[in-house]
Amino acid sequence: MSTDLDVVVAGGGRVGFQAASILTERGHRVTIIERDEATSSAIADEWLATVIEGDATDPSILDQADVEGADVVAALTGESGLNLAVCLAATELSPGIRTVARVDRAEATSYTEFVDAVVYPERAGAQLAANEIVGDDVQTLADVTGSLDVMLVRVEEGAPAAGKTLSEVRFPTGTLVVSDDDGRRVARPDTTLTPGRRYVVAVEPEVADEVMNLMRG
């Protein structure tokens, strides 16, 4: 997707706030909808994004957030059912909008027929949630068992690891780059992380954000 998006984030809690911060730092325009007055005020004090206090399932609130003019709506509250309702309401107002819902892992299969993408930020961190919001440059394998996440990651131009060999990049413990850039060989110390190419990477959740920073910037 475009590198300059209008994103509506429903939920200004830890996950929503962090994802909005990452998106804003990348140059995207973010509007946060948060129903709790104190949380809304705290977010507004950070000058991160436009903040609207209200219920994100309310069509008038979505209208105020200009969902019809947005590229993506990401429902990142702590309630899976509420997140689905937000995405469905947004789709009614703007049929072509991309929808992303935060869900519990057990609910993922049933939700994918209603939304474009689901995220489990408790496992993978806000960085991965932000990447899922803006497109398909990072894809997780939803059926991996346990807490280990296996991803297909595109290396971003200008990222700390871009253009370097694996032996030159200090990935945190808990990271394994599995494939080379054409997916035909297992990665080796001399494998170069070429900007624009994708690599299969296995990470433990606690180091996912650090790995994304190295490969995506």
N, C-alpha and C. Protein backbone atom coordinates (compact mmCIF):
# COMPACT_ATOMS: atom_id res chain seq x y z
N MET A 1 0.83 -1.19 0.00
CA MET A 1 0.00 0.00 0.00
C MET A 1 0.87 1.26 0.00
N SER A 2 0.23 2.40 -0.13
CA SER A 2 0.94 3.68 -0.16
C SER A 2 1.73 3.89 1.11
N THR A 3 2.81 4.68 1.01
CA THR A 3 3.60 4.99 2.20
C THR A 3 3.06 6.22 2.91
N ASP A 4 1.99 6.79 2.42
CA ASP A 4 1.41 7.99 3.03
C ASP A 4 -0.09 7.77 3.16
N LEU A 5 -0.52 7.21 4.30
CA LEU A 5 -1.90 6.77 4.47
C LEU A 5 -2.64 7.58 5.53
N ASP A 6 -3.96 7.62 5.37
CA ASP A 6 -4.84 8.15 6.40
C ASP A 6 -5.39 6.96 7.17
N VAL A 7 -5.08 6.90 8.46
CA VAL A 7 -5.43 5.74 9.28
C VAL A 7 -6.29 6.18 10.46
N VAL A 8 -7.38 5.49 10.69
CA VAL A 8 -8.20 5.70 11.87
C VAL A 8 -7.95 4.53 12.82
N VAL A 9 -7.49 4.83 14.02
CA VAL A 9 -7.22 3.81 15.03
C VAL A 9 -8.30 3.91 16.11
N ALA A 10 -9.05 2.84 16.31
CA ALA A 10 -10.04 2.79 17.37
C ALA A 10 -9.42 2.14 18.59
N GLY A 11 -9.30 2.90 19.67
CA GLY A 11 -8.68 2.37 20.88
C GLY A 11 -7.37 3.06 21.15
N GLY A 12 -7.32 3.83 22.23
CA GLY A 12 -6.09 4.56 22.56
C GLY A 12 -5.34 3.98 23.73
N GLY A 13 -5.58 2.71 24.01
CA GLY A 13 -4.83 2.04 25.08
C GLY A 13 -3.40 1.77 24.66
N ARG A 14 -2.74 0.86 25.38
CA ARG A 14 -1.32 0.61 25.12
C ARG A 14 -1.05 0.24 23.67
N VAL A 15 -1.80 -0.73 23.13
CA VAL A 15 -1.55 -1.20 21.77
C VAL A 15 -1.88 -0.11 20.76
N GLY A 16 -3.06 0.50 20.89
CA GLY A 16 -3.47 1.54 19.95
C GLY A 16 -2.54 2.73 19.97
N PHE A 17 -2.15 3.15 21.16
CA PHE A 17 -1.26 4.30 21.31
C PHE A 17 0.11 4.03 20.69
N GLN A 18 0.67 2.86 20.98
CA GLN A 18 1.99 2.53 20.43
C GLN A 18 1.94 2.38 18.92
N ALA A 19 0.90 1.73 18.41
CA ALA A 19 0.78 1.57 16.96
C ALA A 19 0.63 2.93 16.29
N ALA A 20 -0.17 3.82 16.89
CA ALA A 20 -0.34 5.17 16.35
C ALA A 20 0.98 5.93 16.35
N SER A 21 1.76 5.76 17.40
CA SER A 21 3.07 6.42 17.49
C SER A 21 3.98 5.97 16.36
N ILE A 22 4.02 4.67 16.11
CA ILE A 22 4.87 4.12 15.06
C ILE A 22 4.42 4.63 13.69
N LEU A 23 3.10 4.61 13.46
CA LEU A 23 2.57 5.06 12.18
C LEU A 23 2.86 6.54 11.95
N THR A 24 2.71 7.35 12.99
CA THR A 24 2.98 8.78 12.88
C THR A 24 4.45 9.03 12.57
N GLU A 25 5.32 8.28 13.23
CA GLU A 25 6.76 8.44 12.98
C GLU A 25 7.10 8.08 11.53
N ARG A 26 6.33 7.20 10.92
CA ARG A 26 6.57 6.81 9.53
C ARG A 26 5.93 7.76 8.52
N GLY A 27 5.27 8.80 9.02
CA GLY A 27 4.71 9.80 8.13
C GLY A 27 3.25 9.63 7.77
N HIS A 28 2.58 8.65 8.39
CA HIS A 28 1.16 8.45 8.11
C HIS A 28 0.33 9.41 8.96
N ARG A 29 -0.85 9.75 8.47
CA ARG A 29 -1.77 10.63 9.21
C ARG A 29 -2.72 9.75 10.01
N VAL A 30 -2.75 9.95 11.32
CA VAL A 30 -3.49 9.07 12.21
C VAL A 30 -4.54 9.85 13.00
N THR A 31 -5.73 9.27 13.06
CA THR A 31 -6.79 9.77 13.94
C THR A 31 -7.13 8.67 14.93
N ILE A 32 -7.11 8.99 16.21
CA ILE A 32 -7.42 8.01 17.25
C ILE A 32 -8.81 8.29 17.81
N ILE A 33 -9.61 7.24 17.92
CA ILE A 33 -10.91 7.33 18.59
C ILE A 33 -10.79 6.58 19.91
N GLU A 34 -11.08 7.26 21.01
CA GLU A 34 -10.97 6.66 22.34
C GLU A 34 -12.16 7.12 23.19
N ARG A 35 -12.85 6.18 23.80
CA ARG A 35 -14.06 6.52 24.54
C ARG A 35 -13.80 6.99 25.96
N ASP A 36 -12.64 6.69 26.51
CA ASP A 36 -12.33 7.11 27.87
C ASP A 36 -11.77 8.53 27.88
N GLU A 37 -12.39 9.41 28.65
CA GLU A 37 -12.01 10.82 28.65
C GLU A 37 -10.57 11.03 29.10
N ALA A 38 -10.17 10.37 30.19
CA ALA A 38 -8.82 10.54 30.71
C ALA A 38 -7.76 10.07 29.71
N THR A 39 -8.02 8.93 29.09
CA THR A 39 -7.09 8.40 28.10
C THR A 39 -7.00 9.32 26.89
N SER A 40 -8.14 9.83 26.45
CA SER A 40 -8.15 10.77 25.31
C SER A 40 -7.32 12.01 25.61
N SER A 41 -7.48 12.54 26.81
CA SER A 41 -6.72 13.73 27.20
C SER A 41 -5.23 13.46 27.24
N ALA A 42 -4.87 12.28 27.76
CA ALA A 42 -3.45 11.92 27.84
C ALA A 42 -2.83 11.80 26.45
N ILE A 43 -3.57 11.21 25.52
CA ILE A 43 -3.07 11.07 24.15
C ILE A 43 -2.93 12.43 23.50
N ALA A 44 -3.93 13.27 23.69
CA ALA A 44 -3.90 14.61 23.09
C ALA A 44 -2.69 15.40 23.59
N ASP A 45 -2.31 15.19 24.85
CA ASP A 45 -1.15 15.89 25.42
C ASP A 45 0.15 15.49 24.75
N GLU A 46 0.17 14.30 24.14
CA GLU A 46 1.38 13.82 23.48
C GLU A 46 1.54 14.42 22.07
N TRP A 47 0.54 15.05 21.53
CA TRP A 47 0.57 15.65 20.20
C TRP A 47 0.92 14.63 19.13
N LEU A 48 0.42 13.42 19.28
CA LEU A 48 0.72 12.36 18.32
C LEU A 48 -0.19 12.41 17.10
N ALA A 49 -1.47 12.65 17.35
CA ALA A 49 -2.45 12.49 16.29
C ALA A 49 -3.71 13.26 16.66
N THR A 50 -4.63 13.33 15.72
CA THR A 50 -5.95 13.86 16.03
C THR A 50 -6.66 12.87 16.94
N VAL A 51 -7.25 13.36 18.03
CA VAL A 51 -7.91 12.48 18.99
C VAL A 51 -9.38 12.86 19.08
N ILE A 52 -10.26 11.86 18.93
CA ILE A 52 -11.70 12.07 19.05
C ILE A 52 -12.21 11.21 20.19
N GLU A 53 -12.86 11.83 21.16
CA GLU A 53 -13.42 11.09 22.28
C GLU A 53 -14.81 10.59 21.90
N GLY A 54 -15.03 9.28 22.02
CA GLY A 54 -16.34 8.74 21.70
C GLY A 54 -16.29 7.25 21.41
N ASP A 55 -17.44 6.70 21.09
CA ASP A 55 -17.61 5.28 20.79
C ASP A 55 -17.37 5.06 19.30
N ALA A 56 -16.36 4.26 18.97
CA ALA A 56 -15.99 4.07 17.57
C ALA A 56 -17.00 3.24 16.78
N THR A 57 -18.00 2.65 17.45
CA THR A 57 -19.06 1.97 16.71
C THR A 57 -20.19 2.92 16.33
N ASP A 58 -20.14 4.14 16.84
CA ASP A 58 -21.16 5.15 16.56
C ASP A 58 -20.88 5.77 15.19
N PRO A 59 -21.81 5.64 14.23
CA PRO A 59 -21.58 6.20 12.89
C PRO A 59 -21.23 7.68 12.89
N SER A 60 -21.80 8.45 13.83
CA SER A 60 -21.50 9.87 13.87
C SER A 60 -20.06 10.13 14.29
N ILE A 61 -19.52 9.27 15.16
CA ILE A 61 -18.12 9.40 15.58
C ILE A 61 -17.21 8.99 14.43
N LEU A 62 -17.56 7.93 13.73
CA LEU A 62 -16.77 7.51 12.57
C LEU A 62 -16.81 8.58 11.49
N ASP A 63 -17.95 9.22 11.35
CA ASP A 63 -18.08 10.30 10.38
C ASP A 63 -17.18 11.47 10.77
N GLN A 64 -17.14 11.76 12.07
CA GLN A 64 -16.28 12.83 12.58
C GLN A 64 -14.81 12.51 12.31
N ALA A 65 -14.48 11.24 12.38
CA ALA A 65 -13.10 10.81 12.11
C ALA A 65 -12.80 10.72 10.62
N ASP A 66 -13.80 11.01 9.79
CA ASP A 66 -13.67 10.98 8.33
C ASP A 66 -13.24 9.60 7.83
N VAL A 67 -13.95 8.58 8.30
CA VAL A 67 -13.66 7.22 7.86
C VAL A 67 -13.82 7.08 6.35
N GLU A 68 -14.77 7.81 5.78
CA GLU A 68 -14.99 7.72 4.33
C GLU A 68 -13.78 8.19 3.54
N GLY A 69 -12.96 9.06 4.14
CA GLY A 69 -11.77 9.55 3.46
C GLY A 69 -10.50 8.82 3.88
N ALA A 70 -10.63 7.84 4.79
CA ALA A 70 -9.46 7.13 5.30
C ALA A 70 -9.11 5.93 4.42
N ASP A 71 -7.86 5.50 4.51
CA ASP A 71 -7.40 4.31 3.80
C ASP A 71 -7.58 3.05 4.63
N VAL A 72 -7.42 3.19 5.94
CA VAL A 72 -7.44 2.04 6.84
C VAL A 72 -8.16 2.40 8.13
N VAL A 73 -8.94 1.47 8.67
CA VAL A 73 -9.42 1.57 10.04
C VAL A 73 -8.85 0.38 10.80
N ALA A 74 -8.20 0.66 11.93
CA ALA A 74 -7.61 -0.39 12.75
C ALA A 74 -8.27 -0.36 14.11
N ALA A 75 -9.04 -1.39 14.43
CA ALA A 75 -9.72 -1.48 15.71
C ALA A 75 -8.83 -2.24 16.67
N LEU A 76 -8.23 -1.52 17.63
CA LEU A 76 -7.21 -2.10 18.49
C LEU A 76 -7.57 -2.02 19.96
N THR A 77 -8.86 -2.01 20.28
CA THR A 77 -9.27 -2.03 21.68
C THR A 77 -9.00 -3.40 22.26
N GLY A 78 -9.20 -3.55 23.55
CA GLY A 78 -8.98 -4.84 24.20
C GLY A 78 -10.14 -5.79 24.08
N GLU A 79 -11.20 -5.40 23.34
CA GLU A 79 -12.40 -6.23 23.20
C GLU A 79 -12.56 -6.67 21.75
N SER A 80 -12.39 -7.95 21.50
CA SER A 80 -12.45 -8.46 20.13
C SER A 80 -13.79 -8.18 19.46
N GLY A 81 -14.88 -8.40 20.20
CA GLY A 81 -16.20 -8.17 19.64
C GLY A 81 -16.41 -6.72 19.24
N LEU A 82 -15.94 -5.81 20.08
CA LEU A 82 -16.04 -4.39 19.77
C LEU A 82 -15.21 -4.05 18.54
N ASN A 83 -14.05 -4.66 18.42
CA ASN A 83 -13.19 -4.40 17.26
C ASN A 83 -13.85 -4.84 15.96
N LEU A 84 -14.50 -5.99 16.00
CA LEU A 84 -15.22 -6.46 14.82
C LEU A 84 -16.35 -5.50 14.47
N ALA A 85 -17.09 -5.04 15.49
CA ALA A 85 -18.19 -4.12 15.26
C ALA A 85 -17.71 -2.81 14.63
N VAL A 86 -16.56 -2.32 15.08
CA VAL A 86 -15.99 -1.10 14.51
C VAL A 86 -15.66 -1.30 13.04
N CYS A 87 -15.03 -2.42 12.72
CA CYS A 87 -14.65 -2.70 11.33
C CYS A 87 -15.88 -2.82 10.43
N LEU A 88 -16.91 -3.50 10.92
CA LEU A 88 -18.13 -3.66 10.13
C LEU A 88 -18.82 -2.31 9.92
N ALA A 89 -18.85 -1.48 10.97
CA ALA A 89 -19.46 -0.16 10.84
C ALA A 89 -18.69 0.70 9.85
N ALA A 90 -17.36 0.62 9.90
CA ALA A 90 -16.53 1.40 8.98
C ALA A 90 -16.75 0.94 7.54
N THR A 91 -16.89 -0.36 7.35
CA THR A 91 -17.11 -0.90 6.00
C THR A 91 -18.45 -0.43 5.43
N GLU A 92 -19.46 -0.29 6.29
CA GLU A 92 -20.75 0.22 5.85
C GLU A 92 -20.62 1.65 5.34
N LEU A 93 -19.81 2.46 6.02
CA LEU A 93 -19.63 3.85 5.63
C LEU A 93 -18.68 4.00 4.44
N SER A 94 -17.69 3.12 4.37
CA SER A 94 -16.68 3.21 3.32
C SER A 94 -16.32 1.81 2.85
N PRO A 95 -17.06 1.25 1.89
CA PRO A 95 -16.90 -0.15 1.47
C PRO A 95 -15.49 -0.54 1.06
N GLY A 96 -14.70 0.38 0.55
CA GLY A 96 -13.37 0.02 0.07
C GLY A 96 -12.28 0.14 1.11
N ILE A 97 -12.61 0.50 2.34
CA ILE A 97 -11.58 0.74 3.35
C ILE A 97 -10.95 -0.58 3.81
N ARG A 98 -9.65 -0.54 4.10
CA ARG A 98 -8.97 -1.71 4.65
C ARG A 98 -9.29 -1.79 6.14
N THR A 99 -9.63 -2.98 6.63
CA THR A 99 -10.00 -3.15 8.03
C THR A 99 -9.04 -4.11 8.72
N VAL A 100 -8.59 -3.70 9.89
CA VAL A 100 -7.67 -4.50 10.70
C VAL A 100 -8.23 -4.58 12.11
N ALA A 101 -8.36 -5.79 12.65
CA ALA A 101 -8.94 -5.97 13.98
C ALA A 101 -7.97 -6.70 14.90
N ARG A 102 -7.86 -6.18 16.12
CA ARG A 102 -7.11 -6.87 17.16
C ARG A 102 -8.01 -7.96 17.74
N VAL A 103 -7.52 -9.17 17.79
CA VAL A 103 -8.34 -10.29 18.26
C VAL A 103 -7.52 -11.19 19.18
N ASP A 104 -8.24 -12.03 19.91
CA ASP A 104 -7.58 -13.12 20.63
C ASP A 104 -7.25 -14.20 19.61
N ARG A 105 -6.18 -14.90 19.82
CA ARG A 105 -5.73 -15.89 18.85
C ARG A 105 -6.83 -16.91 18.52
N ALA A 106 -7.61 -17.31 19.52
CA ALA A 106 -8.63 -18.33 19.31
C ALA A 106 -9.74 -17.86 18.38
N GLU A 107 -9.89 -16.53 18.24
CA GLU A 107 -10.98 -16.00 17.44
C GLU A 107 -10.58 -15.69 16.01
N ALA A 108 -9.32 -15.84 15.69
CA ALA A 108 -8.80 -15.37 14.41
C ALA A 108 -9.51 -15.97 13.20
N THR A 109 -9.69 -17.27 13.20
CA THR A 109 -10.26 -17.93 12.02
C THR A 109 -11.64 -17.41 11.69
N SER A 110 -12.47 -17.22 12.70
CA SER A 110 -13.84 -16.77 12.45
C SER A 110 -13.91 -15.30 12.04
N TYR A 111 -12.89 -14.52 12.37
CA TYR A 111 -12.91 -13.09 12.07
C TYR A 111 -12.41 -12.76 10.68
N THR A 112 -11.60 -13.63 10.10
CA THR A 112 -10.96 -13.29 8.84
C THR A 112 -11.92 -13.16 7.66
N GLU A 113 -13.12 -13.69 7.78
CA GLU A 113 -14.08 -13.51 6.68
C GLU A 113 -14.76 -12.15 6.74
N PHE A 114 -14.59 -11.43 7.84
CA PHE A 114 -15.24 -10.14 8.00
C PHE A 114 -14.28 -8.95 7.91
N VAL A 115 -12.99 -9.19 8.16
CA VAL A 115 -12.00 -8.11 8.13
C VAL A 115 -10.84 -8.51 7.22
N ASP A 116 -10.06 -7.50 6.81
CA ASP A 116 -8.94 -7.77 5.90
C ASP A 116 -7.75 -8.41 6.60
N ALA A 117 -7.56 -8.07 7.88
CA ALA A 117 -6.40 -8.61 8.60
C ALA A 117 -6.69 -8.62 10.09
N VAL A 118 -6.09 -9.58 10.79
CA VAL A 118 -6.19 -9.62 12.24
C VAL A 118 -4.78 -9.56 12.82
N VAL A 119 -4.68 -9.02 14.05
CA VAL A 119 -3.39 -8.94 14.72
C VAL A 119 -3.54 -9.43 16.15
N TYR A 120 -2.44 -10.01 16.66
CA TYR A 120 -2.38 -10.47 18.05
C TYR A 120 -1.22 -9.73 18.72
N PRO A 121 -1.37 -8.46 19.01
CA PRO A 121 -0.24 -7.67 19.50
C PRO A 121 0.32 -8.14 20.83
N GLU A 122 -0.45 -8.90 21.63
CA GLU A 122 0.10 -9.40 22.88
C GLU A 122 1.29 -10.31 22.62
N ARG A 123 1.28 -10.97 21.47
CA ARG A 123 2.37 -11.87 21.11
C ARG A 123 3.48 -11.15 20.38
N ALA A 124 3.13 -10.25 19.49
CA ALA A 124 4.12 -9.77 18.55
C ALA A 124 4.51 -8.31 18.72
N GLY A 125 3.81 -7.55 19.53
CA GLY A 125 4.19 -6.16 19.74
C GLY A 125 3.51 -5.20 18.80
N ALA A 126 3.50 -3.94 19.18
CA ALA A 126 2.82 -2.90 18.40
C ALA A 126 3.47 -2.69 17.04
N GLN A 127 4.77 -2.96 16.94
CA GLN A 127 5.46 -2.78 15.67
C GLN A 127 4.83 -3.64 14.58
N LEU A 128 4.53 -4.89 14.91
CA LEU A 128 3.91 -5.77 13.94
C LEU A 128 2.47 -5.37 13.66
N ALA A 129 1.79 -4.88 14.68
CA ALA A 129 0.43 -4.39 14.46
C ALA A 129 0.45 -3.23 13.47
N ALA A 130 1.41 -2.33 13.62
CA ALA A 130 1.53 -1.19 12.71
C ALA A 130 1.84 -1.66 11.30
N ASN A 131 2.71 -2.65 11.16
CA ASN A 131 3.04 -3.16 9.83
C ASN A 131 1.82 -3.79 9.16
N GLU A 132 1.00 -4.50 9.93
CA GLU A 132 -0.20 -5.12 9.36
C GLU A 132 -1.21 -4.07 8.94
N ILE A 133 -1.26 -2.96 9.67
CA ILE A 133 -2.20 -1.89 9.36
C ILE A 133 -1.92 -1.30 7.98
N VAL A 134 -0.66 -1.09 7.65
CA VAL A 134 -0.34 -0.39 6.41
C VAL A 134 -0.17 -1.31 5.21
N GLY A 135 -0.22 -2.61 5.39
CA GLY A 135 -0.12 -3.47 4.22
C GLY A 135 0.49 -4.81 4.48
N ASP A 136 1.09 -5.39 3.44
CA ASP A 136 1.54 -6.77 3.52
C ASP A 136 3.05 -6.93 3.53
N ASP A 137 3.78 -5.92 4.00
CA ASP A 137 5.24 -6.04 4.02
C ASP A 137 5.73 -6.99 5.09
N VAL A 138 4.87 -7.31 6.06
CA VAL A 138 5.18 -8.33 7.06
C VAL A 138 3.97 -9.24 7.17
N GLN A 139 4.17 -10.53 7.02
CA GLN A 139 3.07 -11.48 7.15
C GLN A 139 3.44 -12.51 8.20
N THR A 140 2.53 -12.76 9.16
CA THR A 140 2.79 -13.78 10.17
C THR A 140 2.08 -15.06 9.79
N LEU A 141 2.60 -16.17 10.27
CA LEU A 141 1.95 -17.45 10.05
C LEU A 141 1.06 -17.73 11.26
N ALA A 142 -0.24 -17.56 11.07
CA ALA A 142 -1.17 -17.60 12.19
C ALA A 142 -1.27 -18.96 12.84
N ASP A 143 -0.90 -20.01 12.13
CA ASP A 143 -1.09 -21.35 12.68
C ASP A 143 0.14 -21.91 13.38
N VAL A 144 1.17 -21.10 13.55
CA VAL A 144 2.35 -21.56 14.28
C VAL A 144 1.97 -21.81 15.73
N THR A 145 2.40 -22.94 16.28
CA THR A 145 2.05 -23.26 17.66
C THR A 145 2.99 -22.57 18.62
N GLY A 146 2.55 -22.47 19.87
CA GLY A 146 3.37 -21.84 20.88
C GLY A 146 3.48 -20.35 20.68
N SER A 147 4.49 -19.73 21.28
CA SER A 147 4.63 -18.28 21.22
C SER A 147 5.56 -17.82 20.10
N LEU A 148 6.29 -18.74 19.48
CA LEU A 148 7.21 -18.37 18.41
C LEU A 148 6.43 -17.86 17.21
N ASP A 149 6.90 -16.75 16.61
CA ASP A 149 6.26 -16.21 15.43
C ASP A 149 7.18 -16.37 14.24
N VAL A 150 6.62 -16.84 13.12
CA VAL A 150 7.37 -16.98 11.88
C VAL A 150 6.77 -15.99 10.89
N MET A 151 7.62 -15.13 10.31
CA MET A 151 7.14 -14.03 9.49
C MET A 151 7.86 -13.99 8.15
N LEU A 152 7.18 -13.39 7.17
CA LEU A 152 7.79 -13.08 5.89
C LEU A 152 7.97 -11.56 5.88
N VAL A 153 9.21 -11.10 5.95
CA VAL A 153 9.49 -9.69 6.16
C VAL A 153 10.22 -9.09 4.96
N ARG A 154 9.71 -7.97 4.46
CA ARG A 154 10.40 -7.24 3.40
C ARG A 154 11.36 -6.23 4.02
N VAL A 155 12.61 -6.25 3.59
CA VAL A 155 13.61 -5.31 4.12
C VAL A 155 13.39 -3.93 3.51
N GLU A 156 13.33 -2.93 4.36
CA GLU A 156 13.07 -1.56 3.92
C GLU A 156 14.37 -0.84 3.57
N GLU A 157 14.36 -0.08 2.49
CA GLU A 157 15.51 0.75 2.12
C GLU A 157 15.84 1.69 3.27
N GLY A 158 17.10 1.75 3.66
CA GLY A 158 17.52 2.65 4.73
C GLY A 158 17.43 2.06 6.12
N ALA A 159 16.87 0.85 6.26
CA ALA A 159 16.81 0.21 7.57
C ALA A 159 18.22 -0.17 8.02
N PRO A 160 18.45 -0.28 9.34
CA PRO A 160 19.80 -0.59 9.85
C PRO A 160 20.43 -1.84 9.25
N ALA A 161 19.60 -2.86 8.93
CA ALA A 161 20.16 -4.11 8.41
C ALA A 161 20.23 -4.14 6.89
N ALA A 162 19.64 -3.17 6.22
CA ALA A 162 19.56 -3.19 4.75
C ALA A 162 20.93 -3.18 4.11
N GLY A 163 21.14 -4.10 3.17
CA GLY A 163 22.40 -4.16 2.44
C GLY A 163 23.53 -4.86 3.17
N LYS A 164 23.27 -5.35 4.38
CA LYS A 164 24.31 -6.00 5.17
C LYS A 164 24.13 -7.52 5.13
N THR A 165 25.21 -8.24 5.38
CA THR A 165 25.11 -9.69 5.50
C THR A 165 24.65 -10.04 6.91
N LEU A 166 24.15 -11.24 7.07
CA LEU A 166 23.69 -11.66 8.40
C LEU A 166 24.81 -11.62 9.43
N SER A 167 26.03 -11.90 8.98
CA SER A 167 27.16 -11.88 9.92
C SER A 167 27.47 -10.46 10.40
N GLU A 168 26.98 -9.46 9.67
CA GLU A 168 27.24 -8.07 10.04
C GLU A 168 26.14 -7.46 10.90
N VAL A 169 25.01 -8.14 10.99
CA VAL A 169 23.87 -7.59 11.74
C VAL A 169 23.77 -8.27 13.10
N ARG A 170 23.64 -7.48 14.14
CA ARG A 170 23.56 -8.03 15.50
C ARG A 170 22.09 -8.20 15.89
N PHE A 171 21.49 -9.28 15.38
CA PHE A 171 20.12 -9.58 15.76
C PHE A 171 20.08 -10.03 17.22
N PRO A 172 19.00 -9.71 17.94
CA PRO A 172 18.92 -10.13 19.33
C PRO A 172 18.76 -11.64 19.46
N THR A 173 19.16 -12.18 20.59
CA THR A 173 18.94 -13.59 20.88
C THR A 173 17.45 -13.87 20.80
N GLY A 174 17.09 -14.97 20.13
CA GLY A 174 15.67 -15.26 19.93
C GLY A 174 15.23 -14.96 18.52
N THR A 175 16.21 -14.72 17.63
CA THR A 175 15.93 -14.42 16.22
C THR A 175 16.63 -15.44 15.33
N LEU A 176 15.94 -15.88 14.28
CA LEU A 176 16.57 -16.76 13.30
C LEU A 176 16.05 -16.37 11.92
N VAL A 177 16.96 -15.87 11.05
CA VAL A 177 16.61 -15.62 9.66
C VAL A 177 16.73 -16.95 8.94
N VAL A 178 15.62 -17.43 8.37
CA VAL A 178 15.55 -18.80 7.86
C VAL A 178 15.94 -18.90 6.40
N SER A 179 15.43 -18.00 5.54
CA SER A 179 15.63 -18.16 4.10
C SER A 179 16.48 -17.05 3.51
N ASP A 180 17.03 -17.32 2.32
CA ASP A 180 17.69 -16.25 1.59
C ASP A 180 16.62 -15.48 0.82
N ASP A 181 17.05 -14.53 -0.04
CA ASP A 181 16.07 -13.62 -0.63
C ASP A 181 15.20 -14.21 -1.72
N ASP A 182 15.50 -15.41 -2.19
CA ASP A 182 14.62 -16.01 -3.19
C ASP A 182 13.84 -17.20 -2.62
N GLY A 183 14.02 -17.46 -1.32
CA GLY A 183 13.28 -18.52 -0.67
C GLY A 183 13.69 -19.91 -1.07
N ARG A 184 14.82 -20.07 -1.73
CA ARG A 184 15.24 -21.39 -2.23
C ARG A 184 16.34 -22.03 -1.39
N ARG A 185 16.97 -21.21 -0.54
CA ARG A 185 18.06 -21.74 0.27
C ARG A 185 17.90 -21.27 1.70
N VAL A 186 18.44 -22.05 2.61
CA VAL A 186 18.51 -21.63 4.00
C VAL A 186 19.52 -20.49 4.10
N ALA A 187 19.19 -19.49 4.88
CA ALA A 187 20.09 -18.34 5.03
C ALA A 187 21.42 -18.77 5.65
N ARG A 188 22.48 -18.08 5.21
CA ARG A 188 23.83 -18.35 5.70
C ARG A 188 24.45 -17.06 6.20
N PRO A 189 25.57 -17.12 6.90
CA PRO A 189 26.19 -15.89 7.40
C PRO A 189 26.47 -14.86 6.31
N ASP A 190 26.72 -15.32 5.06
CA ASP A 190 27.01 -14.37 3.98
C ASP A 190 25.76 -13.94 3.22
N THR A 191 24.56 -14.36 3.68
CA THR A 191 23.32 -13.93 3.05
C THR A 191 23.15 -12.42 3.26
N THR A 192 22.93 -11.70 2.16
CA THR A 192 22.75 -10.25 2.23
C THR A 192 21.27 -9.90 2.34
N LEU A 193 20.95 -9.00 3.25
CA LEU A 193 19.57 -8.54 3.43
C LEU A 193 19.32 -7.38 2.46
N THR A 194 18.87 -7.74 1.27
CA THR A 194 18.71 -6.79 0.17
C THR A 194 17.42 -5.99 0.31
N PRO A 195 17.48 -4.66 0.26
CA PRO A 195 16.26 -3.84 0.34
C PRO A 195 15.26 -4.24 -0.73
N GLY A 196 13.98 -4.35 -0.33
CA GLY A 196 12.94 -4.73 -1.26
C GLY A 196 12.69 -6.23 -1.36
N ARG A 197 13.63 -7.02 -0.84
CA ARG A 197 13.47 -8.48 -0.86
C ARG A 197 12.85 -8.97 0.45
N ARG A 198 12.24 -10.17 0.41
CA ARG A 198 11.59 -10.72 1.58
C ARG A 198 12.36 -11.92 2.12
N TYR A 199 12.31 -12.07 3.44
CA TYR A 199 13.02 -13.15 4.12
C TYR A 199 12.11 -13.78 5.17
N VAL A 200 12.20 -15.10 5.30
CA VAL A 200 11.47 -15.79 6.36
C VAL A 200 12.27 -15.65 7.64
N VAL A 201 11.61 -15.14 8.69
CA VAL A 201 12.29 -14.87 9.96
C VAL A 201 11.46 -15.46 11.10
N ALA A 202 12.11 -16.18 12.00
CA ALA A 202 11.46 -16.68 13.21
C ALA A 202 11.92 -15.83 14.39
N VAL A 203 10.96 -15.37 15.19
CA VAL A 203 11.31 -14.53 16.33
C VAL A 203 10.51 -14.92 17.56
N GLU A 204 11.11 -14.70 18.72
CA GLU A 204 10.38 -14.80 19.97
C GLU A 204 9.70 -13.45 20.20
N PRO A 205 8.46 -13.44 20.73
CA PRO A 205 7.67 -12.21 20.82
C PRO A 205 8.38 -11.04 21.48
N GLU A 206 9.17 -11.31 22.50
CA GLU A 206 9.79 -10.21 23.25
C GLU A 206 10.86 -9.47 22.45
N VAL A 207 11.34 -10.04 21.34
CA VAL A 207 12.36 -9.34 20.54
C VAL A 207 11.81 -8.92 19.18
N ALA A 208 10.50 -9.13 18.94
CA ALA A 208 9.92 -8.84 17.62
C ALA A 208 10.09 -7.38 17.23
N ASP A 209 9.84 -6.46 18.16
CA ASP A 209 9.96 -5.04 17.83
C ASP A 209 11.39 -4.68 17.43
N GLU A 210 12.36 -5.23 18.14
CA GLU A 210 13.77 -4.94 17.83
C GLU A 210 14.15 -5.46 16.45
N VAL A 211 13.66 -6.65 16.11
CA VAL A 211 13.93 -7.23 14.79
C VAL A 211 13.29 -6.37 13.70
N MET A 212 12.04 -5.93 13.93
CA MET A 212 11.38 -5.08 12.96
C MET A 212 12.13 -3.75 12.76
N ASN A 213 12.65 -3.19 13.84
CA ASN A 213 13.43 -1.96 13.72
C ASN A 213 14.67 -2.17 12.87
N LEU A 214 15.32 -3.32 13.01
CA LEU A 214 16.52 -3.60 12.22
C LEU A 214 16.20 -3.80 10.74
N MET A 215 15.09 -4.47 10.44
CA MET A 215 14.78 -4.82 9.06
C MET A 215 13.87 -3.82 8.36
N ARG A 216 13.06 -3.10 9.15
CA ARG A 216 12.10 -2.18 8.57
C ARG A 216 12.41 -0.72 8.86
N GLY A 217 13.20 -0.47 9.92
CA GLY A 217 13.53 0.91 10.27
C GLY A 217 12.47 1.55 11.13
